[in-house]
Every structure is written in C-alpha cells, then in structure tokens.
Amino acid sequence: MKIFFDLLPVILFFVGYKLYDIYVATAVAIGTTIALILWSKLVHKKVDKMLMINGIIISVLGGITLLLHDKTFIMWKPTVLYWIGALALLISNHFFRKNLIQQMMHKVLNPPKKIWHQLNWAWVLFLIMLGILNLYVAFYFTENTWVNFKLFGVTTLMFAFMIGQTVMLKQYLVNPNQDEPTHKDGN
C-alpha cells in the first residue's frame, strides 16, 4: 500500500500529462502531494519526512513551472529530490554517525556494520546517477519520453536496484519467524 501511496502523484502526473499537458500534470501532482500530506496528518497524525520534502520540492518547482509556464523547473524536480536524498544519506552517515539505510531496513536485514556502510554508499551513488539520468532524459529526449521515463523507467530502475540488493544480501535477511538473522556472524 505504501508503494502506491508513494507513486500516486507520479501516476496522476502521468495521467494528467496524457490527457492534457505538462502544466495540468504539474498542477495535478502538486494537488495530489498536498492532499497526501493532509491525509497523512489527519489519519496518521504525522507526515513522513520524505513526503514532506517531496511536497516542498513539487510545490516550489511545480509552482515556478506554472507561474513562468516553463517546464524546465518540473523536469528538474526528480533530480533535486534524488540528490537531496543522496546528500541526506551522506551527511547523516558521515557527520552524525547515523546510517539512515540501516534505520529503515534493520527489521529485515542484519548484516555486519561494514555492509551497512557499503549499502549506504550504494544508495548514495544510485541516487546521484538517477538524478543525472533524469536530466539526460529530460533535456536530450522528447517531453513525452521524459514523462514515460519518470513513471516507468525510474520505477523499473528502483525495483531492479532493490531486487539486486535483496539477492546480494539474502544471507542477512532476518527470519520473520524468529528475531535472529539467517546467518551466523551477526553484527
């Protein structure tokens, strides 16, 4: 359910674009994201940090897109979001000694500290490359290709990256029937 929740603004952006244009799609994405923030606050009494950051970025860059009638700003939005994510992982790990990947995944994975560090770096590099790829597609391909890439390409790359991680880290998966890891050496 969370994955649908996370993808809803992108899906509705895609639909808005296919039915109308990039400006209607941008307005739909802004409205959907704000609605998700409000719904989350009302139902769960809290808003996920990434949803709030996404809401700020889509509101600012989407708002500039609508105000100036210039699609460049909305095309930068995914890259800005990915790079902020990469920067947060990097800063948190190196300056605050908090591995955000470990905090998010500790209930399903139990690898040694070195692996957590490598996984954090893998995500940093992946998000940086995803941001670069977004800009490449946005500015060297058609607008329609970029919109399709934004939904289908990025989603596919994310799933492939996560599946690759799961395969590589399967020995560290936590057994759901017990609180012990499936491997013997632990942390």
N, C-alpha and C. Protein backbone atom coordinates (compact mmCIF):
# COMPACT_ATOMS: atom_id res chain seq x y z
N MET A 1 0.82 -1.19 0.00
CA MET A 1 0.00 0.00 0.00
C MET A 1 0.87 1.26 0.00
N LYS A 2 1.97 1.25 0.77
CA LYS A 2 2.84 2.43 0.83
C LYS A 2 3.43 2.75 -0.54
N ILE A 3 3.75 1.72 -1.31
CA ILE A 3 4.34 1.97 -2.63
C ILE A 3 3.34 2.68 -3.54
N PHE A 4 2.07 2.31 -3.46
CA PHE A 4 1.04 3.00 -4.24
C PHE A 4 0.91 4.44 -3.77
N PHE A 5 0.92 4.63 -2.46
CA PHE A 5 0.85 5.95 -1.84
C PHE A 5 1.99 6.83 -2.36
N ASP A 6 3.20 6.26 -2.41
CA ASP A 6 4.39 6.99 -2.88
C ASP A 6 4.32 7.30 -4.37
N LEU A 7 3.75 6.39 -5.13
CA LEU A 7 3.70 6.56 -6.59
C LEU A 7 2.48 7.35 -7.08
N LEU A 8 1.49 7.56 -6.23
CA LEU A 8 0.25 8.22 -6.66
C LEU A 8 0.48 9.57 -7.36
N PRO A 9 1.28 10.49 -6.80
CA PRO A 9 1.49 11.76 -7.52
C PRO A 9 2.12 11.56 -8.91
N VAL A 10 3.03 10.60 -9.03
CA VAL A 10 3.68 10.33 -10.32
C VAL A 10 2.67 9.74 -11.30
N ILE A 11 1.85 8.82 -10.82
CA ILE A 11 0.83 8.19 -11.67
C ILE A 11 -0.16 9.24 -12.16
N LEU A 12 -0.64 10.09 -11.24
CA LEU A 12 -1.60 11.12 -11.64
C LEU A 12 -0.95 12.21 -12.50
N PHE A 13 0.33 12.48 -12.28
CA PHE A 13 1.07 13.38 -13.18
C PHE A 13 1.04 12.80 -14.60
N PHE A 14 1.34 11.51 -14.71
CA PHE A 14 1.35 10.81 -15.99
C PHE A 14 -0.03 10.91 -16.67
N VAL A 15 -1.08 10.63 -15.91
CA VAL A 15 -2.45 10.68 -16.46
C VAL A 15 -2.79 12.10 -16.89
N GLY A 16 -2.46 13.08 -16.04
CA GLY A 16 -2.71 14.49 -16.39
C GLY A 16 -1.99 14.90 -17.65
N TYR A 17 -0.77 14.42 -17.79
CA TYR A 17 0.01 14.73 -18.99
C TYR A 17 -0.61 14.10 -20.23
N LYS A 18 -0.98 12.83 -20.13
CA LYS A 18 -1.53 12.12 -21.30
C LYS A 18 -2.88 12.69 -21.71
N LEU A 19 -3.67 13.17 -20.75
CA LEU A 19 -4.99 13.72 -21.07
C LEU A 19 -4.93 15.20 -21.47
N TYR A 20 -3.98 15.95 -20.92
CA TYR A 20 -3.92 17.39 -21.18
C TYR A 20 -2.52 17.81 -21.61
N ASP A 21 -1.72 18.29 -20.66
CA ASP A 21 -0.36 18.72 -20.97
C ASP A 21 0.47 18.73 -19.70
N ILE A 22 1.71 19.15 -19.83
CA ILE A 22 2.63 19.11 -18.69
C ILE A 22 2.25 20.09 -17.58
N TYR A 23 1.55 21.15 -17.94
CA TYR A 23 1.16 22.14 -16.93
C TYR A 23 -0.01 21.65 -16.09
N VAL A 24 -0.97 21.04 -16.72
CA VAL A 24 -2.07 20.41 -15.97
C VAL A 24 -1.51 19.29 -15.11
N ALA A 25 -0.62 18.49 -15.69
CA ALA A 25 0.01 17.39 -14.95
C ALA A 25 0.75 17.91 -13.72
N THR A 26 1.43 19.03 -13.87
CA THR A 26 2.16 19.63 -12.75
C THR A 26 1.19 20.07 -11.65
N ALA A 27 0.11 20.71 -12.04
CA ALA A 27 -0.89 21.14 -11.05
C ALA A 27 -1.50 19.93 -10.34
N VAL A 28 -1.76 18.87 -11.09
CA VAL A 28 -2.32 17.64 -10.50
C VAL A 28 -1.32 17.04 -9.51
N ALA A 29 -0.04 17.01 -9.86
CA ALA A 29 0.98 16.44 -8.97
C ALA A 29 1.10 17.26 -7.68
N ILE A 30 1.06 18.59 -7.82
CA ILE A 30 1.11 19.45 -6.63
C ILE A 30 -0.10 19.18 -5.74
N GLY A 31 -1.27 19.20 -6.34
CA GLY A 31 -2.51 18.97 -5.57
C GLY A 31 -2.54 17.61 -4.91
N THR A 32 -2.12 16.59 -5.64
CA THR A 32 -2.10 15.23 -5.09
C THR A 32 -1.14 15.13 -3.92
N THR A 33 0.04 15.69 -4.06
CA THR A 33 1.03 15.63 -2.99
C THR A 33 0.55 16.37 -1.75
N ILE A 34 -0.03 17.53 -1.93
CA ILE A 34 -0.57 18.29 -0.78
C ILE A 34 -1.71 17.50 -0.13
N ALA A 35 -2.57 16.88 -0.94
CA ALA A 35 -3.66 16.06 -0.41
C ALA A 35 -3.12 14.88 0.40
N LEU A 36 -2.05 14.24 -0.09
CA LEU A 36 -1.44 13.12 0.63
C LEU A 36 -0.85 13.56 1.96
N ILE A 37 -0.24 14.74 1.97
CA ILE A 37 0.32 15.28 3.21
C ILE A 37 -0.80 15.53 4.22
N LEU A 38 -1.89 16.16 3.77
CA LEU A 38 -3.02 16.43 4.66
C LEU A 38 -3.67 15.14 5.15
N TRP A 39 -3.85 14.18 4.26
CA TRP A 39 -4.44 12.89 4.62
C TRP A 39 -3.57 12.18 5.66
N SER A 40 -2.28 12.19 5.41
CA SER A 40 -1.35 11.54 6.34
C SER A 40 -1.41 12.20 7.72
N LYS A 41 -1.48 13.52 7.74
CA LYS A 41 -1.55 14.25 9.00
C LYS A 41 -2.85 13.95 9.74
N LEU A 42 -3.97 13.90 9.02
CA LEU A 42 -5.26 13.64 9.64
C LEU A 42 -5.41 12.20 10.11
N VAL A 43 -4.99 11.25 9.28
CA VAL A 43 -5.19 9.83 9.58
C VAL A 43 -4.12 9.28 10.51
N HIS A 44 -2.86 9.59 10.22
CA HIS A 44 -1.75 9.02 10.99
C HIS A 44 -1.18 9.98 12.05
N LYS A 45 -1.67 11.20 12.03
CA LYS A 45 -1.20 12.23 12.99
C LYS A 45 0.26 12.62 12.79
N LYS A 46 0.85 12.21 11.68
CA LYS A 46 2.23 12.58 11.36
C LYS A 46 2.41 12.49 9.84
N VAL A 47 3.45 13.16 9.36
CA VAL A 47 3.77 13.15 7.93
C VAL A 47 5.19 12.65 7.77
N ASP A 48 5.36 11.65 6.90
CA ASP A 48 6.67 11.10 6.59
C ASP A 48 7.58 12.22 6.08
N LYS A 49 8.83 12.23 6.54
CA LYS A 49 9.77 13.29 6.15
C LYS A 49 9.95 13.38 4.64
N MET A 50 10.07 12.21 3.99
CA MET A 50 10.28 12.23 2.53
C MET A 50 9.06 12.79 1.81
N LEU A 51 7.86 12.50 2.30
CA LEU A 51 6.65 13.06 1.69
C LEU A 51 6.64 14.58 1.86
N MET A 52 7.05 15.04 3.03
CA MET A 52 7.08 16.49 3.26
C MET A 52 8.12 17.17 2.37
N ILE A 53 9.29 16.56 2.27
CA ILE A 53 10.34 17.12 1.39
C ILE A 53 9.86 17.13 -0.05
N ASN A 54 9.27 16.03 -0.48
CA ASN A 54 8.73 15.96 -1.84
C ASN A 54 7.66 17.03 -2.05
N GLY A 55 6.81 17.24 -1.03
CA GLY A 55 5.76 18.26 -1.13
C GLY A 55 6.34 19.66 -1.30
N ILE A 56 7.39 19.95 -0.58
CA ILE A 56 8.03 21.26 -0.69
C ILE A 56 8.65 21.43 -2.08
N ILE A 57 9.38 20.40 -2.52
CA ILE A 57 10.05 20.49 -3.82
C ILE A 57 9.04 20.60 -4.96
N ILE A 58 7.99 19.78 -4.94
CA ILE A 58 6.99 19.83 -6.02
C ILE A 58 6.24 21.16 -5.98
N SER A 59 5.98 21.66 -4.80
CA SER A 59 5.26 22.94 -4.69
C SER A 59 6.11 24.09 -5.22
N VAL A 60 7.39 24.10 -4.86
CA VAL A 60 8.27 25.19 -5.30
C VAL A 60 8.56 25.08 -6.80
N LEU A 61 9.13 23.95 -7.23
CA LEU A 61 9.49 23.82 -8.65
C LEU A 61 8.26 23.73 -9.55
N GLY A 62 7.22 23.05 -9.08
CA GLY A 62 5.98 22.99 -9.85
C GLY A 62 5.32 24.36 -9.91
N GLY A 63 5.35 25.07 -8.79
CA GLY A 63 4.78 26.42 -8.77
C GLY A 63 5.51 27.35 -9.73
N ILE A 64 6.82 27.29 -9.76
CA ILE A 64 7.60 28.11 -10.70
C ILE A 64 7.27 27.71 -12.14
N THR A 65 7.13 26.40 -12.38
CA THR A 65 6.76 25.91 -13.70
C THR A 65 5.44 26.53 -14.15
N LEU A 66 4.45 26.53 -13.27
CA LEU A 66 3.13 27.08 -13.61
C LEU A 66 3.18 28.60 -13.74
N LEU A 67 3.90 29.25 -12.84
CA LEU A 67 3.99 30.71 -12.86
C LEU A 67 4.68 31.23 -14.12
N LEU A 68 5.81 30.62 -14.47
CA LEU A 68 6.59 31.07 -15.64
C LEU A 68 6.20 30.34 -16.92
N HIS A 69 5.34 29.35 -16.79
CA HIS A 69 4.95 28.50 -17.92
C HIS A 69 6.20 27.94 -18.62
N ASP A 70 7.10 27.40 -17.78
CA ASP A 70 8.36 26.84 -18.24
C ASP A 70 8.55 25.45 -17.63
N LYS A 71 8.49 24.43 -18.45
CA LYS A 71 8.56 23.04 -17.99
C LYS A 71 9.92 22.63 -17.42
N THR A 72 10.93 23.43 -17.64
CA THR A 72 12.28 23.12 -17.17
C THR A 72 12.30 22.83 -15.68
N PHE A 73 11.56 23.62 -14.91
CA PHE A 73 11.60 23.50 -13.46
C PHE A 73 11.01 22.18 -12.97
N ILE A 74 9.91 21.76 -13.56
CA ILE A 74 9.32 20.49 -13.15
C ILE A 74 10.19 19.32 -13.60
N MET A 75 10.91 19.51 -14.68
CA MET A 75 11.81 18.44 -15.15
C MET A 75 13.02 18.28 -14.22
N TRP A 76 13.38 19.33 -13.52
CA TRP A 76 14.47 19.26 -12.54
C TRP A 76 14.04 18.62 -11.23
N LYS A 77 12.74 18.59 -10.96
CA LYS A 77 12.21 18.13 -9.67
C LYS A 77 12.71 16.74 -9.27
N PRO A 78 12.62 15.70 -10.11
CA PRO A 78 13.12 14.39 -9.68
C PRO A 78 14.60 14.42 -9.31
N THR A 79 15.39 15.12 -10.10
CA THR A 79 16.83 15.20 -9.82
C THR A 79 17.09 15.86 -8.48
N VAL A 80 16.40 16.95 -8.21
CA VAL A 80 16.57 17.64 -6.93
C VAL A 80 16.21 16.70 -5.78
N LEU A 81 15.10 15.97 -5.92
CA LEU A 81 14.68 15.04 -4.89
C LEU A 81 15.71 13.92 -4.68
N TYR A 82 16.21 13.34 -5.77
CA TYR A 82 17.21 12.27 -5.66
C TYR A 82 18.48 12.77 -5.02
N TRP A 83 18.93 13.95 -5.43
CA TRP A 83 20.17 14.49 -4.90
C TRP A 83 20.05 14.90 -3.43
N ILE A 84 18.89 15.39 -3.03
CA ILE A 84 18.66 15.69 -1.61
C ILE A 84 18.71 14.39 -0.81
N GLY A 85 18.10 13.33 -1.36
CA GLY A 85 18.15 12.02 -0.70
C GLY A 85 19.58 11.53 -0.55
N ALA A 86 20.37 11.64 -1.62
CA ALA A 86 21.77 11.21 -1.57
C ALA A 86 22.55 12.04 -0.55
N LEU A 87 22.33 13.33 -0.55
CA LEU A 87 23.01 14.22 0.39
C LEU A 87 22.62 13.90 1.84
N ALA A 88 21.34 13.62 2.07
CA ALA A 88 20.89 13.27 3.42
C ALA A 88 21.56 11.99 3.90
N LEU A 89 21.66 10.98 3.02
CA LEU A 89 22.32 9.72 3.39
C LEU A 89 23.79 9.96 3.71
N LEU A 90 24.43 10.76 2.88
CA LEU A 90 25.85 11.04 3.04
C LEU A 90 26.14 11.83 4.31
N ILE A 91 25.42 12.92 4.50
CA ILE A 91 25.64 13.78 5.67
C ILE A 91 25.29 13.05 6.96
N SER A 92 24.17 12.38 6.97
CA SER A 92 23.74 11.66 8.16
C SER A 92 24.77 10.61 8.58
N ASN A 93 25.30 9.89 7.60
CA ASN A 93 26.24 8.82 7.89
C ASN A 93 27.61 9.35 8.32
N HIS A 94 28.08 10.38 7.67
CA HIS A 94 29.45 10.84 7.92
C HIS A 94 29.58 11.90 9.00
N PHE A 95 28.56 12.72 9.20
CA PHE A 95 28.68 13.78 10.19
C PHE A 95 27.92 13.48 11.48
N PHE A 96 26.85 12.70 11.37
CA PHE A 96 26.05 12.39 12.55
C PHE A 96 26.16 10.93 12.97
N ARG A 97 26.92 10.15 12.21
CA ARG A 97 27.13 8.73 12.50
C ARG A 97 25.81 7.96 12.58
N LYS A 98 24.84 8.37 11.75
CA LYS A 98 23.55 7.69 11.66
C LYS A 98 23.41 7.15 10.24
N ASN A 99 23.29 5.87 10.12
CA ASN A 99 23.10 5.26 8.81
C ASN A 99 21.59 5.15 8.58
N LEU A 100 21.05 6.02 7.74
CA LEU A 100 19.61 6.05 7.51
C LEU A 100 19.11 4.78 6.83
N ILE A 101 19.92 4.18 5.99
CA ILE A 101 19.54 2.92 5.35
C ILE A 101 19.37 1.85 6.42
N GLN A 102 20.29 1.81 7.36
CA GLN A 102 20.21 0.84 8.46
C GLN A 102 18.95 1.09 9.29
N GLN A 103 18.66 2.35 9.58
CA GLN A 103 17.47 2.68 10.36
C GLN A 103 16.20 2.25 9.65
N MET A 104 16.17 2.36 8.32
CA MET A 104 14.98 1.97 7.56
C MET A 104 14.85 0.46 7.39
N MET A 105 15.98 -0.24 7.32
CA MET A 105 15.94 -1.65 6.94
C MET A 105 16.37 -2.62 8.03
N HIS A 106 16.64 -2.14 9.24
CA HIS A 106 17.15 -3.02 10.29
C HIS A 106 16.19 -4.15 10.69
N LYS A 107 14.92 -3.98 10.42
CA LYS A 107 13.95 -5.04 10.77
C LYS A 107 13.96 -6.19 9.78
N VAL A 108 14.49 -5.95 8.59
CA VAL A 108 14.52 -7.02 7.58
C VAL A 108 15.92 -7.52 7.26
N LEU A 109 16.94 -6.71 7.60
CA LEU A 109 18.33 -7.10 7.34
C LEU A 109 19.15 -7.00 8.62
N ASN A 110 20.13 -7.89 8.75
CA ASN A 110 21.03 -7.85 9.90
C ASN A 110 22.46 -8.17 9.46
N PRO A 111 23.02 -7.33 8.58
CA PRO A 111 24.41 -7.57 8.16
C PRO A 111 25.39 -6.91 9.12
N PRO A 112 26.69 -7.20 8.94
CA PRO A 112 27.72 -6.51 9.72
C PRO A 112 27.74 -5.01 9.39
N LYS A 113 28.34 -4.24 10.27
CA LYS A 113 28.40 -2.78 10.12
C LYS A 113 29.01 -2.36 8.77
N LYS A 114 30.04 -3.09 8.33
CA LYS A 114 30.70 -2.78 7.07
C LYS A 114 29.72 -2.86 5.89
N ILE A 115 28.83 -3.83 5.93
CA ILE A 115 27.84 -3.99 4.87
C ILE A 115 26.85 -2.84 4.89
N TRP A 116 26.44 -2.40 6.09
CA TRP A 116 25.54 -1.25 6.18
C TRP A 116 26.20 -0.02 5.54
N HIS A 117 27.47 0.15 5.81
CA HIS A 117 28.21 1.29 5.24
C HIS A 117 28.24 1.20 3.70
N GLN A 118 28.51 0.01 3.20
CA GLN A 118 28.54 -0.19 1.74
C GLN A 118 27.16 0.01 1.12
N LEU A 119 26.13 -0.44 1.81
CA LEU A 119 24.76 -0.27 1.32
C LEU A 119 24.38 1.20 1.26
N ASN A 120 24.80 1.95 2.27
CA ASN A 120 24.55 3.39 2.28
C ASN A 120 25.22 4.04 1.06
N TRP A 121 26.49 3.69 0.82
CA TRP A 121 27.20 4.25 -0.33
C TRP A 121 26.55 3.83 -1.65
N ALA A 122 26.06 2.61 -1.72
CA ALA A 122 25.39 2.15 -2.94
C ALA A 122 24.16 3.01 -3.22
N TRP A 123 23.40 3.32 -2.18
CA TRP A 123 22.22 4.17 -2.36
C TRP A 123 22.62 5.61 -2.74
N VAL A 124 23.65 6.13 -2.12
CA VAL A 124 24.12 7.48 -2.47
C VAL A 124 24.47 7.54 -3.96
N LEU A 125 25.27 6.60 -4.41
CA LEU A 125 25.69 6.58 -5.82
C LEU A 125 24.51 6.34 -6.75
N PHE A 126 23.61 5.44 -6.37
CA PHE A 126 22.43 5.17 -7.19
C PHE A 126 21.57 6.42 -7.35
N LEU A 127 21.34 7.14 -6.26
CA LEU A 127 20.51 8.35 -6.33
C LEU A 127 21.18 9.45 -7.14
N ILE A 128 22.49 9.59 -7.01
CA ILE A 128 23.21 10.58 -7.82
C ILE A 128 23.08 10.23 -9.31
N MET A 129 23.29 8.97 -9.64
CA MET A 129 23.19 8.54 -11.04
C MET A 129 21.76 8.67 -11.57
N LEU A 130 20.78 8.38 -10.73
CA LEU A 130 19.38 8.52 -11.14
C LEU A 130 19.07 9.98 -11.45
N GLY A 131 19.62 10.89 -10.65
CA GLY A 131 19.43 12.32 -10.91
C GLY A 131 20.05 12.75 -12.22
N ILE A 132 21.24 12.26 -12.49
CA ILE A 132 21.93 12.57 -13.76
C ILE A 132 21.13 11.99 -14.93
N LEU A 133 20.67 10.76 -14.78
CA LEU A 133 19.89 10.11 -15.84
C LEU A 133 18.60 10.87 -16.10
N ASN A 134 17.94 11.35 -15.05
CA ASN A 134 16.73 12.14 -15.23
C ASN A 134 17.01 13.38 -16.07
N LEU A 135 18.09 14.09 -15.76
CA LEU A 135 18.42 15.30 -16.53
C LEU A 135 18.75 14.96 -17.98
N TYR A 136 19.44 13.86 -18.18
CA TYR A 136 19.79 13.44 -19.54
C TYR A 136 18.52 13.17 -20.35
N VAL A 137 17.61 12.41 -19.78
CA VAL A 137 16.37 12.09 -20.49
C VAL A 137 15.52 13.36 -20.68
N ALA A 138 15.46 14.20 -19.65
CA ALA A 138 14.65 15.42 -19.72
C ALA A 138 15.11 16.37 -20.81
N PHE A 139 16.42 16.47 -21.01
CA PHE A 139 16.92 17.51 -21.91
C PHE A 139 17.48 17.00 -23.23
N TYR A 140 17.55 15.69 -23.41
CA TYR A 140 18.03 15.14 -24.68
C TYR A 140 16.98 14.29 -25.39
N PHE A 141 15.82 14.13 -24.78
CA PHE A 141 14.74 13.37 -25.39
C PHE A 141 13.49 14.24 -25.41
N THR A 142 12.43 13.73 -25.99
CA THR A 142 11.19 14.49 -26.06
C THR A 142 10.54 14.57 -24.68
N GLU A 143 9.66 15.53 -24.54
CA GLU A 143 8.91 15.69 -23.30
C GLU A 143 8.12 14.41 -22.98
N ASN A 144 7.49 13.83 -23.99
CA ASN A 144 6.72 12.60 -23.82
C ASN A 144 7.61 11.45 -23.33
N THR A 145 8.80 11.33 -23.87
CA THR A 145 9.74 10.29 -23.44
C THR A 145 10.11 10.50 -21.97
N TRP A 146 10.34 11.76 -21.58
CA TRP A 146 10.69 12.04 -20.19
C TRP A 146 9.55 11.67 -19.25
N VAL A 147 8.32 12.01 -19.61
CA VAL A 147 7.16 11.67 -18.77
C VAL A 147 7.04 10.15 -18.62
N ASN A 148 7.22 9.41 -19.72
CA ASN A 148 7.17 7.94 -19.65
C ASN A 148 8.32 7.40 -18.78
N PHE A 149 9.50 7.97 -18.95
CA PHE A 149 10.66 7.55 -18.16
C PHE A 149 10.42 7.82 -16.67
N LYS A 150 9.84 8.96 -16.37
CA LYS A 150 9.58 9.35 -14.98
C LYS A 150 8.74 8.31 -14.26
N LEU A 151 7.75 7.75 -14.94
CA LEU A 151 6.91 6.73 -14.30
C LEU A 151 7.49 5.33 -14.47
N PHE A 152 7.71 4.94 -15.71
CA PHE A 152 8.08 3.55 -15.97
C PHE A 152 9.59 3.28 -15.82
N GLY A 153 10.42 4.18 -16.31
CA GLY A 153 11.86 3.97 -16.25
C GLY A 153 12.41 4.03 -14.84
N VAL A 154 12.06 5.09 -14.12
CA VAL A 154 12.57 5.25 -12.76
C VAL A 154 12.03 4.15 -11.85
N THR A 155 10.74 3.84 -11.99
CA THR A 155 10.14 2.78 -11.16
C THR A 155 10.84 1.45 -11.43
N THR A 156 11.09 1.14 -12.69
CA THR A 156 11.78 -0.09 -13.05
C THR A 156 13.19 -0.12 -12.50
N LEU A 157 13.92 0.99 -12.62
CA LEU A 157 15.28 1.05 -12.09
C LEU A 157 15.30 0.89 -10.57
N MET A 158 14.35 1.52 -9.89
CA MET A 158 14.27 1.40 -8.43
C MET A 158 14.02 -0.05 -8.02
N PHE A 159 13.04 -0.68 -8.67
CA PHE A 159 12.74 -2.08 -8.34
C PHE A 159 13.93 -2.98 -8.65
N ALA A 160 14.57 -2.77 -9.78
CA ALA A 160 15.73 -3.59 -10.14
C ALA A 160 16.85 -3.41 -9.12
N PHE A 161 17.08 -2.19 -8.68
CA PHE A 161 18.12 -1.91 -7.68
C PHE A 161 17.79 -2.61 -6.36
N MET A 162 16.53 -2.52 -5.94
CA MET A 162 16.13 -3.15 -4.68
C MET A 162 16.16 -4.68 -4.77
N ILE A 163 15.76 -5.22 -5.90
CA ILE A 163 15.82 -6.67 -6.09
C ILE A 163 17.27 -7.13 -6.09
N GLY A 164 18.13 -6.39 -6.77
CA GLY A 164 19.56 -6.71 -6.76
C GLY A 164 20.13 -6.71 -5.36
N GLN A 165 19.74 -5.74 -4.56
CA GLN A 165 20.18 -5.68 -3.16
C GLN A 165 19.70 -6.90 -2.39
N THR A 166 18.44 -7.24 -2.58
CA THR A 166 17.86 -8.38 -1.86
C THR A 166 18.61 -9.66 -2.19
N VAL A 167 18.91 -9.84 -3.48
CA VAL A 167 19.64 -11.04 -3.90
C VAL A 167 21.04 -11.05 -3.28
N MET A 168 21.71 -9.91 -3.33
CA MET A 168 23.07 -9.85 -2.79
C MET A 168 23.12 -9.97 -1.26
N LEU A 169 22.06 -9.53 -0.59
CA LEU A 169 22.06 -9.51 0.87
C LEU A 169 21.16 -10.58 1.48
N LYS A 170 20.73 -11.55 0.68
CA LYS A 170 19.78 -12.55 1.18
C LYS A 170 20.30 -13.32 2.40
N GLN A 171 21.60 -13.47 2.50
CA GLN A 171 22.16 -14.19 3.65
C GLN A 171 21.96 -13.42 4.96
N TYR A 172 21.66 -12.13 4.86
CA TYR A 172 21.48 -11.29 6.04
C TYR A 172 20.00 -11.00 6.35
N LEU A 173 19.09 -11.62 5.59
CA LEU A 173 17.67 -11.40 5.85
C LEU A 173 17.29 -11.94 7.22
N VAL A 174 16.48 -11.17 7.93
CA VAL A 174 16.00 -11.59 9.23
C VAL A 174 14.85 -12.56 9.00
N ASN A 175 14.89 -13.70 9.68
CA ASN A 175 13.84 -14.70 9.57
C ASN A 175 12.60 -14.16 10.28
N PRO A 176 11.46 -14.06 9.58
CA PRO A 176 10.26 -13.48 10.21
C PRO A 176 9.71 -14.33 11.36
N ASN A 177 10.07 -15.60 11.44
CA ASN A 177 9.57 -16.49 12.49
C ASN A 177 10.39 -16.40 13.77
N GLN A 178 11.54 -15.76 13.66
CA GLN A 178 12.37 -15.58 14.84
C GLN A 178 13.09 -14.26 14.72
N ASP A 179 13.60 -13.74 15.82
CA ASP A 179 14.27 -12.45 15.81
C ASP A 179 15.75 -12.56 15.49
N GLU A 180 16.22 -13.72 15.11
CA GLU A 180 17.62 -13.94 14.80
C GLU A 180 17.85 -13.85 13.30
N PRO A 181 19.01 -13.40 12.87
CA PRO A 181 19.33 -13.37 11.44
C PRO A 181 19.49 -14.78 10.91
N THR A 182 19.40 -14.90 9.57
CA THR A 182 19.53 -16.22 8.96
C THR A 182 20.98 -16.65 8.84
N HIS A 183 21.95 -15.78 9.14
CA HIS A 183 23.38 -16.12 9.09
C HIS A 183 23.92 -16.20 10.51
N LYS A 184 25.13 -16.66 10.65
CA LYS A 184 25.69 -16.93 11.97
C LYS A 184 26.55 -15.80 12.56
N ASP A 185 27.12 -14.91 11.71
CA ASP A 185 28.09 -13.97 12.25
C ASP A 185 27.49 -12.66 12.75
N GLY A 186 26.22 -12.34 12.47
CA GLY A 186 25.53 -11.15 13.03
C GLY A 186 26.27 -9.86 12.81
N ASN A 187 26.13 -8.90 13.74
CA ASN A 187 26.78 -7.59 13.65
C ASN A 187 28.12 -7.60 14.27
